[in-house]
Protein backbone atom coordinates (compact mmCIF):
# COMPACT_ATOMS: atom_id res chain seq x y z
CA MET A 1 -43.91 181.56 314.32
CA LEU A 2 -45.70 182.94 311.27
CA LEU A 3 -49.24 182.07 310.20
CA ALA A 4 -49.67 182.41 306.42
CA ILE A 5 -53.23 182.35 305.06
CA ASP A 6 -54.20 181.99 301.40
CA VAL A 7 -57.92 182.64 300.86
CA GLY A 8 -58.71 181.08 297.49
CA ASN A 9 -61.90 180.44 295.59
CA THR A 10 -61.97 176.75 296.51
CA ASN A 11 -59.98 176.48 299.75
CA VAL A 12 -58.64 178.62 302.55
CA VAL A 13 -55.12 177.31 303.19
CA PHE A 14 -53.33 177.93 306.48
CA GLY A 15 -49.58 177.43 306.74
CA LEU A 16 -47.67 177.63 310.01
CA PHE A 17 -43.99 178.50 309.69
CA ALA A 18 -41.33 178.09 312.35
CA GLY A 19 -38.59 180.24 310.89
CA VAL A 20 -38.27 179.14 307.27
CA SER A 21 -39.74 175.68 307.90
CA LEU A 22 -43.39 175.02 307.01
CA GLU A 23 -44.46 172.98 310.02
CA ARG A 24 -48.20 172.61 309.43
CA ARG A 25 -50.61 173.04 306.58
CA TRP A 26 -54.43 172.98 306.80
CA ARG A 27 -57.23 173.44 304.29
CA LEU A 28 -60.77 174.60 304.90
CA ALA A 29 -63.46 174.77 302.23
CA THR A 30 -64.07 178.32 301.05
CA LEU A 31 -67.53 179.28 302.26
CA PRO A 32 -68.00 183.03 301.76
CA ASP A 33 -70.75 183.23 304.39
CA ARG A 34 -68.56 181.98 307.23
CA THR A 35 -68.26 184.39 310.13
CA ALA A 36 -65.18 185.24 312.16
CA ASP A 37 -66.60 183.24 315.06
CA GLU A 38 -67.13 180.13 312.92
CA LEU A 39 -63.62 180.40 311.51
CA TRP A 40 -62.11 180.75 314.98
CA VAL A 41 -63.92 177.60 316.18
CA LEU A 42 -62.34 175.65 313.30
CA VAL A 43 -58.88 177.19 313.53
CA SER A 44 -58.62 176.95 317.32
CA ARG A 45 -59.63 173.30 317.11
CA LEU A 46 -56.83 172.66 314.62
CA PHE A 47 -54.34 174.30 316.97
CA ALA A 48 -55.61 172.24 319.89
CA GLU A 49 -55.47 168.94 317.97
CA HIS A 50 -51.81 169.55 317.16
CA GLU A 51 -50.98 170.89 320.63
CA LEU A 52 -49.95 174.26 319.28
CA ASP A 53 -50.13 177.37 321.43
CA PRO A 54 -51.67 180.27 319.43
CA ALA A 55 -49.75 182.70 321.65
CA ARG A 56 -46.53 181.57 319.91
CA ILE A 57 -47.62 183.20 316.65
CA ASP A 58 -45.59 186.35 316.05
CA GLY A 59 -47.23 187.49 312.82
CA VAL A 60 -49.97 186.78 310.29
CA VAL A 61 -49.86 187.43 306.55
CA MET A 62 -52.73 186.85 304.13
CA SER A 63 -53.49 186.80 300.42
CA SER A 64 -57.16 186.78 299.52
CA VAL A 65 -59.12 186.68 296.27
CA VAL A 66 -62.48 186.30 298.05
CA PRO A 67 -63.53 189.76 299.28
CA ALA A 68 -66.49 188.31 301.21
CA LEU A 69 -64.05 186.37 303.42
CA THR A 70 -61.20 188.85 303.66
CA GLY A 71 -62.79 190.80 306.49
CA ALA A 72 -64.01 187.73 308.36
CA VAL A 73 -60.56 186.11 308.33
CA SER A 74 -58.93 189.35 309.45
CA ASP A 75 -61.45 189.73 312.28
CA MET A 76 -60.90 186.11 313.32
CA VAL A 77 -57.13 186.66 313.54
CA GLU A 78 -57.38 189.98 315.36
CA ARG A 79 -59.91 188.74 317.93
CA GLY A 80 -58.67 185.16 318.33
CA LEU A 81 -54.93 185.64 318.05
CA GLY A 82 -54.58 189.29 319.03
CA ARG A 83 -52.57 190.02 315.88
CA ASN A 84 -52.97 192.41 312.98
CA VAL A 85 -53.00 190.86 309.52
CA LEU A 86 -50.65 191.92 306.75
CA ARG A 87 -52.86 191.80 303.65
CA VAL A 88 -50.77 191.42 300.51
CA ASP A 89 -51.38 193.78 297.61
CA ALA A 90 -49.41 195.34 294.77
CA GLY A 91 -48.15 198.06 297.10
CA ASN A 92 -46.50 195.83 299.69
CA ALA A 93 -45.63 192.63 297.80
CA GLY A 94 -42.06 193.81 297.28
CA LEU A 95 -41.73 193.56 293.49
CA PRO A 96 -42.45 196.05 290.69
CA VAL A 97 -45.82 195.45 289.01
CA GLY A 98 -46.11 196.32 285.32
CA TYR A 99 -49.86 195.69 285.06
CA ASP A 100 -51.82 198.62 283.59
CA ASN A 101 -53.79 198.72 286.86
CA PRO A 102 -51.69 197.01 289.56
CA THR A 103 -54.65 196.81 291.97
CA GLU A 104 -56.30 194.29 289.63
CA VAL A 105 -53.62 191.64 290.15
CA GLY A 106 -54.75 188.89 292.52
CA ALA A 107 -52.74 188.70 295.74
CA ASP A 108 -52.13 184.99 295.18
CA ARG A 109 -50.55 185.72 291.80
CA LEU A 110 -48.31 188.33 293.38
CA VAL A 111 -47.03 186.06 296.13
CA ASN A 112 -46.44 183.27 293.61
CA ALA A 113 -44.33 185.70 291.59
CA VAL A 114 -42.43 186.82 294.69
CA ALA A 115 -41.64 183.21 295.62
CA ALA A 116 -40.54 182.34 292.09
CA VAL A 117 -38.19 185.32 291.92
CA ARG A 118 -36.70 184.59 295.35
CA MET A 119 -36.25 180.89 294.63
CA TYR A 120 -35.25 180.91 290.94
CA GLY A 121 -34.47 184.48 289.95
CA GLY A 122 -30.73 184.30 290.53
CA ALA A 123 -30.07 183.23 286.94
CA ALA A 124 -31.45 186.55 285.59
CA ARG A 125 -33.90 184.88 283.23
CA PRO A 126 -37.65 185.45 282.80
CA ILE A 127 -40.00 183.21 284.76
CA VAL A 128 -43.56 182.03 284.24
CA VAL A 129 -45.54 180.57 287.13
CA VAL A 130 -48.36 178.22 286.15
CA ASP A 131 -50.87 177.79 288.98
CA PHE A 132 -53.39 174.99 288.53
CA GLY A 133 -56.06 176.31 290.87
CA THR A 134 -59.72 177.17 290.46
CA ALA A 135 -58.45 179.12 287.47
CA THR A 136 -55.27 178.12 285.66
CA THR A 137 -53.06 181.20 285.66
CA PHE A 138 -49.79 182.00 283.94
CA ASP A 139 -47.84 184.82 285.59
CA VAL A 140 -44.82 186.28 283.85
CA ILE A 141 -41.87 187.89 285.63
CA SER A 142 -39.10 189.57 283.65
CA ALA A 143 -35.44 188.73 284.04
CA ALA A 144 -35.16 191.98 286.02
CA GLY A 145 -37.77 190.77 288.53
CA GLU A 146 -40.77 192.83 287.35
CA TYR A 147 -44.24 191.31 287.31
CA LEU A 148 -45.33 191.81 283.69
CA GLY A 149 -48.80 190.24 283.57
CA GLY A 150 -50.08 186.91 282.40
CA VAL A 151 -52.87 184.66 281.23
CA ILE A 152 -56.02 183.48 283.02
CA CYS A 153 -57.82 180.32 281.84
CA PRO A 154 -60.66 178.25 283.29
CA GLY A 155 -59.33 175.67 285.73
CA VAL A 156 -59.57 172.01 284.79
CA GLU A 157 -62.30 171.35 287.37
CA ILE A 158 -64.33 174.25 285.98
CA SER A 159 -64.00 172.76 282.51
CA ALA A 160 -65.01 169.31 283.75
CA ASP A 161 -68.02 170.77 285.54
CA ALA A 162 -69.04 172.74 282.44
CA LEU A 163 -69.00 169.57 280.33
CA TYR A 164 -71.22 167.83 282.85
CA ARG A 165 -73.65 170.73 283.18
CA ARG A 166 -73.93 171.72 279.53
CA ALA A 167 -74.01 168.30 277.83
CA ALA A 168 -77.01 166.18 278.87
CA GLN A 169 -75.43 162.79 278.22
CA LEU A 170 -72.00 163.44 279.71
CA PRO A 171 -71.31 162.32 283.30
CA ARG A 172 -69.29 164.06 285.97
CA VAL A 173 -65.76 162.59 285.88
CA GLU A 174 -62.64 162.63 288.00
CA VAL A 175 -59.89 164.59 286.31
CA CYS A 176 -56.89 162.28 285.98
CA LYS A 177 -54.56 160.90 283.33
CA PRO A 178 -56.23 158.09 281.37
CA ALA A 179 -54.35 155.04 280.10
CA ALA A 180 -54.35 156.31 276.51
CA VAL A 181 -55.16 159.42 274.52
CA VAL A 182 -57.81 157.53 272.56
CA GLY A 183 -60.64 156.95 274.99
CA ARG A 184 -62.78 153.84 274.55
CA THR A 185 -65.53 154.91 276.93
CA THR A 186 -67.27 158.22 277.46
CA VAL A 187 -65.50 158.66 280.78
CA THR A 188 -62.00 157.97 279.47
CA SER A 189 -62.68 160.11 276.39
CA MET A 190 -63.60 163.02 278.66
CA GLN A 191 -60.60 162.40 280.88
CA SER A 192 -58.35 162.40 277.83
CA GLY A 193 -59.74 165.69 276.59
CA LEU A 194 -59.46 167.33 279.98
CA PHE A 195 -56.03 166.03 280.98
CA PHE A 196 -54.17 166.04 277.67
CA GLY A 197 -56.02 169.17 276.61
CA TYR A 198 -54.52 170.98 279.59
CA VAL A 199 -51.07 169.59 278.84
CA ALA A 200 -51.39 170.96 275.31
CA MET A 201 -52.72 174.28 276.59
CA VAL A 202 -49.76 174.69 278.93
CA GLU A 203 -47.29 173.83 276.20
CA GLY A 204 -48.98 176.14 273.70
CA ILE A 205 -49.15 179.15 276.00
CA VAL A 206 -45.61 178.69 277.35
CA ARG A 207 -44.24 178.48 273.79
CA ARG A 208 -46.09 181.66 272.83
CA LEU A 209 -44.66 183.38 275.90
CA GLN A 210 -41.19 182.24 274.88
CA GLU A 211 -41.71 183.94 271.52
CA GLU A 212 -43.24 187.14 272.90
CA ILE A 213 -41.23 188.20 275.94
CA GLU A 214 -37.68 189.47 276.03
CA GLY A 215 -35.26 186.64 276.78
CA GLY A 216 -38.04 184.12 276.26
CA ASP A 217 -35.70 181.47 274.89
CA GLY A 218 -34.40 181.11 278.47
CA LEU A 219 -37.85 181.18 280.10
CA LEU A 220 -38.05 179.19 283.34
CA CYS A 221 -41.43 177.59 284.10
CA VAL A 222 -42.58 176.85 287.66
CA GLY A 223 -45.74 174.86 288.32
CA THR A 224 -47.89 174.86 291.45
CA GLY A 225 -51.42 173.90 292.45
CA GLY A 226 -53.50 170.74 292.21
CA LEU A 227 -52.46 169.11 288.92
CA ALA A 228 -49.00 170.64 288.64
CA ALA A 229 -47.04 167.44 289.27
CA ASP A 230 -49.23 165.35 286.96
CA ILE A 231 -49.06 167.89 284.13
CA ALA A 232 -45.33 168.41 284.62
CA ALA A 233 -44.76 164.69 284.18
CA GLU A 234 -46.18 164.97 280.65
CA THR A 235 -44.18 167.93 279.36
CA SER A 236 -40.58 169.09 279.41
CA LEU A 237 -41.61 172.74 279.55
CA ILE A 238 -42.31 172.81 283.31
CA ASP A 239 -38.91 173.01 284.97
CA HIS A 240 -39.90 172.94 288.65
CA VAL A 241 -42.97 171.98 290.70
CA GLN A 242 -43.47 173.74 294.04
CA PRO A 243 -46.67 172.67 295.86
CA ASP A 244 -46.21 175.28 298.61
CA LEU A 245 -45.22 178.19 296.37
CA THR A 246 -48.05 180.46 297.55
CA LEU A 247 -47.44 179.90 301.26
CA THR A 248 -43.71 180.37 300.75
CA GLY A 249 -44.36 183.58 298.86
CA LEU A 250 -46.45 184.84 301.76
CA ARG A 251 -43.50 184.18 304.08
CA PHE A 252 -41.20 186.13 301.77
CA VAL A 253 -43.61 189.09 301.70
CA TRP A 254 -43.82 189.04 305.50
CA GLU A 255 -40.03 189.01 305.82
CA HIS A 256 -39.75 191.89 303.31
CA SER A 257 -42.33 193.90 305.27
CA ARG A 258 -40.64 193.22 308.61
CA ALA A 259 -37.23 194.20 307.19
CA GLY A 260 -38.75 197.42 305.87
CA ARG A 261 -40.20 198.28 309.27
CA ALA A 262 -36.87 197.56 310.94
CA GLY A 263 -35.02 199.69 308.39
CA GLY A 264 -37.51 202.54 308.79
């Protein structure tokens, strides 16, 4: 079994694979001050509740964009599970990285790109992955399978929180699709701006990418993250929605690494 861990800015997501099948998925709130001991208490409890034997885990792979937690999670795995952690970076992700400084690319963006190429790259067309996370990111992969770069925007929850914090008379609202574009209350007006504004942003950026990159007229768009399914329902430009793209990408990176060790 493989334990895949995605340490994000909002959640730490654990995925347990049996072969290629994602058997379990857990989320913990990202608290940068958590220690390895605290994490092990939570993780071991999850294993116990689902009657899973930690000794069955053969490997652990991790992507992290929270440096304060990277070490704690690694220590938790090494002490609690007796396994070393494969930390994903531009050097071991298994795809060429065309960023000016490859070390700047977030590990989550790399594994998303790896998963997209493995799942949809057979048609030899460029791909863009739109991840609706804490930030909304657009990651572009060429038809040849090279990570080219992308776009980073504030996530929809960040935008909603900024409206609430910076405008004295605006309330905090749930981000969801309102009944109509024209809001008739402050809440529905804000929801319209947030939801349909992000639909328009996705469409605008994807169209610009289609114009800019080689082979862009055949660009394939893959959505993942919190609002991916809701946004995809409002636009024809998102071709596929994959909620577990990041965890699946981690599995692909692990398999690539293991094959490399076997070949070496």
